[in-house]
N, C-alpha and C. Protein backbone atom coordinates (compact mmCIF):
# COMPACT_ATOMS: atom_id res chain seq x y z
N UNK A 1 9.57 20.55 30.77
CA UNK A 1 8.42 20.92 29.97
C UNK A 1 7.94 19.71 29.18
N UNK A 2 6.67 19.47 29.20
CA UNK A 2 6.09 18.32 28.50
C UNK A 2 6.06 18.56 27.00
N UNK A 3 6.25 17.48 26.26
CA UNK A 3 6.18 17.57 24.80
C UNK A 3 4.75 17.83 24.37
N UNK A 4 4.55 18.62 23.31
CA UNK A 4 3.18 18.88 22.85
C UNK A 4 2.53 17.61 22.32
N UNK A 5 1.26 17.50 22.54
CA UNK A 5 0.51 16.34 22.05
C UNK A 5 0.36 16.44 20.54
N UNK A 6 0.43 15.30 19.91
CA UNK A 6 0.23 15.25 18.46
C UNK A 6 -1.21 14.89 18.16
N UNK A 7 -1.72 15.49 17.14
CA UNK A 7 -3.06 15.11 16.71
C UNK A 7 -2.94 13.86 15.84
N UNK A 8 -4.01 13.13 15.67
CA UNK A 8 -4.02 11.92 14.86
C UNK A 8 -3.63 12.18 13.42
N UNK A 9 -3.92 13.39 12.92
CA UNK A 9 -3.62 13.71 11.52
C UNK A 9 -2.12 13.73 11.25
N UNK A 10 -1.32 14.06 12.26
CA UNK A 10 0.12 14.12 12.07
C UNK A 10 0.70 12.72 11.88
N UNK A 11 -0.04 11.71 12.26
CA UNK A 11 0.46 10.34 12.15
C UNK A 11 -0.07 9.64 10.90
N UNK A 12 -0.57 10.40 9.99
CA UNK A 12 -1.00 9.85 8.70
C UNK A 12 -0.07 10.43 7.64
N UNK A 13 0.72 9.56 6.99
CA UNK A 13 1.63 10.08 5.97
C UNK A 13 0.85 10.65 4.78
N UNK A 14 1.48 11.52 4.01
CA UNK A 14 0.80 12.10 2.85
C UNK A 14 0.50 11.05 1.78
N UNK A 15 -0.63 11.21 1.13
CA UNK A 15 -1.04 10.30 0.06
C UNK A 15 -1.37 11.11 -1.19
N UNK A 16 -0.94 10.63 -2.35
CA UNK A 16 -1.23 11.36 -3.58
C UNK A 16 -2.70 11.23 -3.97
N UNK A 17 -3.19 12.23 -4.64
CA UNK A 17 -4.52 12.17 -5.22
C UNK A 17 -4.47 11.15 -6.36
N UNK A 18 -5.38 10.21 -6.37
CA UNK A 18 -5.36 9.13 -7.37
C UNK A 18 -5.43 9.68 -8.80
N UNK A 19 -6.02 10.86 -8.97
CA UNK A 19 -6.13 11.46 -10.30
C UNK A 19 -4.78 11.95 -10.83
N UNK A 20 -3.80 12.11 -9.94
CA UNK A 20 -2.48 12.59 -10.37
C UNK A 20 -1.51 11.45 -10.67
N UNK A 21 -1.94 10.22 -10.44
CA UNK A 21 -1.07 9.06 -10.63
C UNK A 21 -1.14 8.60 -12.09
N UNK A 22 0.02 8.36 -12.69
CA UNK A 22 0.05 7.88 -14.07
C UNK A 22 0.15 6.35 -14.08
N UNK A 23 -0.28 5.76 -15.16
CA UNK A 23 -0.17 4.31 -15.33
C UNK A 23 1.30 3.90 -15.27
N UNK A 24 2.18 4.71 -15.82
CA UNK A 24 3.62 4.43 -15.79
C UNK A 24 4.10 4.30 -14.35
N UNK A 25 3.69 5.22 -13.48
CA UNK A 25 4.10 5.19 -12.07
C UNK A 25 3.59 3.91 -11.38
N UNK A 26 2.37 3.53 -11.69
CA UNK A 26 1.78 2.33 -11.09
C UNK A 26 2.54 1.08 -11.55
N UNK A 27 2.79 0.98 -12.84
CA UNK A 27 3.50 -0.19 -13.37
C UNK A 27 4.92 -0.28 -12.84
N UNK A 28 5.59 0.86 -12.67
CA UNK A 28 6.93 0.85 -12.09
C UNK A 28 6.90 0.37 -10.65
N UNK A 29 5.86 0.72 -9.91
CA UNK A 29 5.73 0.25 -8.52
C UNK A 29 5.46 -1.25 -8.48
N UNK A 30 4.71 -1.75 -9.44
CA UNK A 30 4.31 -3.15 -9.43
C UNK A 30 5.31 -4.09 -10.10
N UNK A 31 6.39 -3.55 -10.64
CA UNK A 31 7.38 -4.40 -11.29
C UNK A 31 8.13 -5.26 -10.27
N UNK A 32 8.19 -4.82 -9.04
CA UNK A 32 8.91 -5.58 -8.01
C UNK A 32 8.04 -6.68 -7.42
N UNK A 33 8.54 -7.92 -7.34
CA UNK A 33 7.72 -9.02 -6.82
C UNK A 33 7.30 -8.85 -5.35
N UNK A 34 8.11 -8.19 -4.54
CA UNK A 34 7.74 -7.97 -3.14
C UNK A 34 6.54 -7.02 -3.07
N UNK A 35 6.54 -5.98 -3.88
CA UNK A 35 5.41 -5.04 -3.88
C UNK A 35 4.15 -5.69 -4.44
N UNK A 36 4.31 -6.54 -5.46
CA UNK A 36 3.15 -7.28 -5.98
C UNK A 36 2.58 -8.19 -4.90
N UNK A 37 3.46 -8.78 -4.11
CA UNK A 37 3.01 -9.66 -3.02
C UNK A 37 2.21 -8.87 -1.98
N UNK A 38 2.69 -7.69 -1.63
CA UNK A 38 1.98 -6.84 -0.67
C UNK A 38 0.59 -6.52 -1.19
N UNK A 39 0.51 -6.08 -2.44
CA UNK A 39 -0.79 -5.73 -3.03
C UNK A 39 -1.70 -6.95 -3.07
N UNK A 40 -1.17 -8.10 -3.45
CA UNK A 40 -1.98 -9.33 -3.51
C UNK A 40 -2.49 -9.73 -2.13
N UNK A 41 -1.64 -9.60 -1.11
CA UNK A 41 -2.06 -9.94 0.25
C UNK A 41 -3.18 -9.02 0.72
N UNK A 42 -3.05 -7.73 0.45
CA UNK A 42 -4.09 -6.78 0.84
C UNK A 42 -5.38 -7.04 0.08
N UNK A 43 -5.26 -7.37 -1.20
CA UNK A 43 -6.41 -7.66 -2.04
C UNK A 43 -7.16 -8.89 -1.50
N UNK A 44 -6.40 -9.95 -1.19
CA UNK A 44 -7.00 -11.19 -0.71
C UNK A 44 -7.61 -11.03 0.69
N UNK A 45 -6.97 -10.23 1.52
CA UNK A 45 -7.46 -10.05 2.90
C UNK A 45 -8.79 -9.32 2.93
N UNK A 46 -8.98 -8.40 2.02
CA UNK A 46 -10.23 -7.64 2.00
C UNK A 46 -10.38 -6.71 3.19
N UNK A 47 -9.30 -6.49 3.92
CA UNK A 47 -9.32 -5.58 5.06
C UNK A 47 -7.94 -4.96 5.22
N UNK A 48 -7.84 -3.95 6.04
CA UNK A 48 -6.57 -3.29 6.28
C UNK A 48 -5.67 -4.21 7.10
N UNK A 49 -4.38 -4.20 6.80
CA UNK A 49 -3.41 -5.05 7.49
C UNK A 49 -2.24 -4.21 8.00
N UNK A 50 -1.74 -4.58 9.15
CA UNK A 50 -0.53 -3.95 9.68
C UNK A 50 0.67 -4.43 8.88
N UNK A 51 1.68 -3.59 8.79
CA UNK A 51 2.89 -3.94 8.03
C UNK A 51 3.46 -5.29 8.46
N UNK A 52 3.55 -5.52 9.76
CA UNK A 52 4.16 -6.73 10.28
C UNK A 52 3.38 -8.01 10.06
N UNK A 53 2.13 -7.91 9.64
CA UNK A 53 1.32 -9.12 9.45
C UNK A 53 1.50 -9.73 8.06
N UNK A 54 2.16 -9.01 7.18
CA UNK A 54 2.42 -9.52 5.83
C UNK A 54 3.84 -10.06 5.82
N UNK A 55 3.98 -11.37 5.68
CA UNK A 55 5.31 -11.99 5.68
C UNK A 55 6.01 -11.69 4.36
N UNK A 56 7.19 -11.08 4.49
CA UNK A 56 7.97 -10.71 3.32
C UNK A 56 9.40 -11.24 3.45
N UNK A 57 10.01 -11.60 2.33
CA UNK A 57 11.37 -12.16 2.37
C UNK A 57 12.46 -11.09 2.37
N UNK A 58 12.19 -9.97 3.03
CA UNK A 58 13.14 -8.85 3.07
C UNK A 58 13.24 -8.32 4.50
N UNK A 59 14.25 -7.50 4.75
CA UNK A 59 14.42 -6.90 6.07
C UNK A 59 13.30 -5.88 6.33
N UNK A 60 13.18 -5.50 7.59
CA UNK A 60 12.14 -4.54 7.97
C UNK A 60 12.34 -3.20 7.26
N UNK A 61 13.58 -2.75 7.16
CA UNK A 61 13.84 -1.46 6.50
C UNK A 61 13.53 -1.53 5.00
N UNK A 62 13.82 -2.66 4.38
CA UNK A 62 13.49 -2.83 2.95
C UNK A 62 11.98 -2.91 2.76
N UNK A 63 11.30 -3.59 3.67
CA UNK A 63 9.83 -3.64 3.61
C UNK A 63 9.25 -2.24 3.72
N UNK A 64 9.79 -1.44 4.62
CA UNK A 64 9.33 -0.06 4.77
C UNK A 64 9.47 0.70 3.46
N UNK A 65 10.57 0.49 2.77
CA UNK A 65 10.78 1.13 1.46
C UNK A 65 9.69 0.69 0.47
N UNK A 66 9.39 -0.60 0.43
CA UNK A 66 8.39 -1.11 -0.51
C UNK A 66 7.00 -0.53 -0.20
N UNK A 67 6.64 -0.44 1.07
CA UNK A 67 5.35 0.18 1.43
C UNK A 67 5.33 1.65 1.00
N UNK A 68 6.45 2.34 1.17
CA UNK A 68 6.54 3.75 0.76
C UNK A 68 6.32 3.90 -0.75
N UNK A 69 6.96 3.05 -1.53
CA UNK A 69 6.80 3.11 -3.00
C UNK A 69 5.33 2.87 -3.37
N UNK A 70 4.69 1.91 -2.74
CA UNK A 70 3.27 1.63 -3.03
C UNK A 70 2.38 2.81 -2.65
N UNK A 71 2.70 3.46 -1.52
CA UNK A 71 1.91 4.62 -1.10
C UNK A 71 2.10 5.77 -2.09
N UNK A 72 3.33 6.02 -2.51
CA UNK A 72 3.61 7.10 -3.45
C UNK A 72 2.98 6.84 -4.82
N UNK A 73 2.79 5.57 -5.17
CA UNK A 73 2.15 5.23 -6.45
C UNK A 73 0.63 5.21 -6.32
N UNK A 74 0.12 5.52 -5.12
CA UNK A 74 -1.32 5.61 -4.93
C UNK A 74 -2.02 4.28 -4.71
N UNK A 75 -1.27 3.21 -4.58
CA UNK A 75 -1.89 1.89 -4.44
C UNK A 75 -2.41 1.62 -3.03
N UNK A 76 -1.73 2.16 -2.03
CA UNK A 76 -2.17 1.91 -0.65
C UNK A 76 -2.32 3.23 0.10
N UNK A 77 -3.11 3.17 1.15
CA UNK A 77 -3.26 4.27 2.09
C UNK A 77 -2.76 3.75 3.43
N UNK A 78 -1.93 4.54 4.10
CA UNK A 78 -1.39 4.13 5.40
C UNK A 78 -1.87 5.07 6.50
N UNK A 79 -2.06 4.50 7.69
CA UNK A 79 -2.45 5.26 8.86
C UNK A 79 -2.03 4.45 10.09
N UNK A 80 -2.02 5.12 11.21
CA UNK A 80 -1.65 4.44 12.45
C UNK A 80 -2.88 4.05 13.25
N UNK A 81 -2.80 2.88 13.84
CA UNK A 81 -3.80 2.39 14.79
C UNK A 81 -2.99 2.00 16.01
N UNK A 82 -2.97 2.89 17.01
CA UNK A 82 -2.06 2.69 18.14
C UNK A 82 -0.64 2.83 17.64
N UNK A 83 0.16 1.79 17.84
CA UNK A 83 1.55 1.83 17.36
C UNK A 83 1.73 1.07 16.04
N UNK A 84 0.67 0.52 15.50
CA UNK A 84 0.76 -0.24 14.25
C UNK A 84 0.48 0.65 13.05
N UNK A 85 1.32 0.54 12.04
CA UNK A 85 1.06 1.25 10.79
C UNK A 85 0.19 0.32 9.94
N UNK A 86 -1.01 0.77 9.67
CA UNK A 86 -1.97 -0.02 8.91
C UNK A 86 -1.89 0.34 7.43
N UNK A 87 -2.22 -0.63 6.60
CA UNK A 87 -2.19 -0.47 5.15
C UNK A 87 -3.53 -0.85 4.57
N UNK A 88 -4.07 0.03 3.76
CA UNK A 88 -5.35 -0.21 3.11
C UNK A 88 -5.14 -0.12 1.60
N UNK A 89 -5.57 -1.12 0.88
CA UNK A 89 -5.51 -1.08 -0.57
C UNK A 89 -6.57 -0.09 -1.05
N UNK A 90 -6.19 0.83 -1.90
CA UNK A 90 -7.13 1.84 -2.41
C UNK A 90 -7.90 1.24 -3.60
N UNK A 91 -8.52 0.13 -3.35
CA UNK A 91 -9.13 -0.69 -4.39
C UNK A 91 -10.22 0.02 -5.18
N UNK A 92 -11.18 0.63 -4.48
CA UNK A 92 -12.28 1.30 -5.19
C UNK A 92 -11.78 2.46 -6.03
N UNK A 93 -10.93 3.29 -5.44
CA UNK A 93 -10.37 4.43 -6.18
C UNK A 93 -9.55 3.95 -7.37
N UNK A 94 -8.78 2.89 -7.14
CA UNK A 94 -7.91 2.37 -8.18
C UNK A 94 -8.70 1.75 -9.31
N UNK A 95 -9.74 0.99 -8.97
CA UNK A 95 -10.57 0.36 -10.00
C UNK A 95 -11.28 1.41 -10.86
N UNK A 96 -11.57 2.54 -10.27
CA UNK A 96 -12.21 3.62 -11.03
C UNK A 96 -11.23 4.24 -12.03
N UNK A 97 -9.98 4.43 -11.59
CA UNK A 97 -8.98 5.06 -12.46
C UNK A 97 -8.30 4.09 -13.42
N UNK A 98 -8.11 2.85 -12.96
CA UNK A 98 -7.42 1.83 -13.77
C UNK A 98 -8.23 0.54 -13.72
N UNK A 99 -9.38 0.51 -14.39
CA UNK A 99 -10.29 -0.63 -14.31
C UNK A 99 -9.62 -1.97 -14.68
N UNK A 100 -9.80 -2.95 -13.79
CA UNK A 100 -9.34 -4.29 -14.07
C UNK A 100 -7.88 -4.56 -13.77
N UNK A 101 -7.08 -3.55 -13.50
CA UNK A 101 -5.65 -3.76 -13.31
C UNK A 101 -5.34 -4.59 -12.06
N UNK A 102 -5.95 -4.26 -10.94
CA UNK A 102 -5.69 -5.00 -9.71
C UNK A 102 -6.17 -6.45 -9.80
N UNK A 103 -7.37 -6.65 -10.34
CA UNK A 103 -7.88 -8.03 -10.43
C UNK A 103 -7.03 -8.86 -11.40
N UNK A 104 -6.51 -8.24 -12.46
CA UNK A 104 -5.63 -8.96 -13.39
C UNK A 104 -4.31 -9.32 -12.71
N UNK A 105 -3.79 -8.41 -11.92
CA UNK A 105 -2.54 -8.67 -11.20
C UNK A 105 -2.70 -9.84 -10.24
N UNK A 106 -3.78 -9.87 -9.51
CA UNK A 106 -4.02 -10.94 -8.54
C UNK A 106 -4.29 -12.26 -9.27
N UNK A 107 -5.02 -12.23 -10.37
CA UNK A 107 -5.33 -13.45 -11.12
C UNK A 107 -4.04 -14.09 -11.64
N UNK A 108 -3.11 -13.29 -12.11
CA UNK A 108 -1.85 -13.83 -12.62
C UNK A 108 -1.05 -14.45 -11.48
N UNK A 109 -1.03 -13.81 -10.33
CA UNK A 109 -0.29 -14.36 -9.18
C UNK A 109 -0.93 -15.67 -8.70
N UNK A 110 -2.24 -15.75 -8.72
CA UNK A 110 -2.94 -16.94 -8.26
C UNK A 110 -2.70 -18.14 -9.17
N UNK A 111 -2.40 -17.90 -10.44
CA UNK A 111 -2.15 -19.00 -11.38
C UNK A 111 -0.82 -19.67 -11.14
N UNK A 112 0.10 -19.01 -10.48
CA UNK A 112 1.45 -19.57 -10.28
C UNK A 112 1.46 -20.66 -9.25
């Protein structure tokens, strides 16, 4: 018997409503330098990036954990494009809820 076909929606992990995210949750997600690097890379790219295209100094399983934390904090949206898990920075939504936070984060990283 053939396996049932999956719809595209089943391959999109759940994302929190940006209105339910607290500043505390966001700051806790951004305290880690690897997660700040992911956010900065997405911000600079200005487009969605696959997980594997962002060079990180951690194992693949640890990187997966960091992407999960960012998604749960509402910073990124993930979806599949073929077999690649794509990451989109929720920049417009985030700037509306937390004005200036992302640009300040990137500006500080760029000064180093």
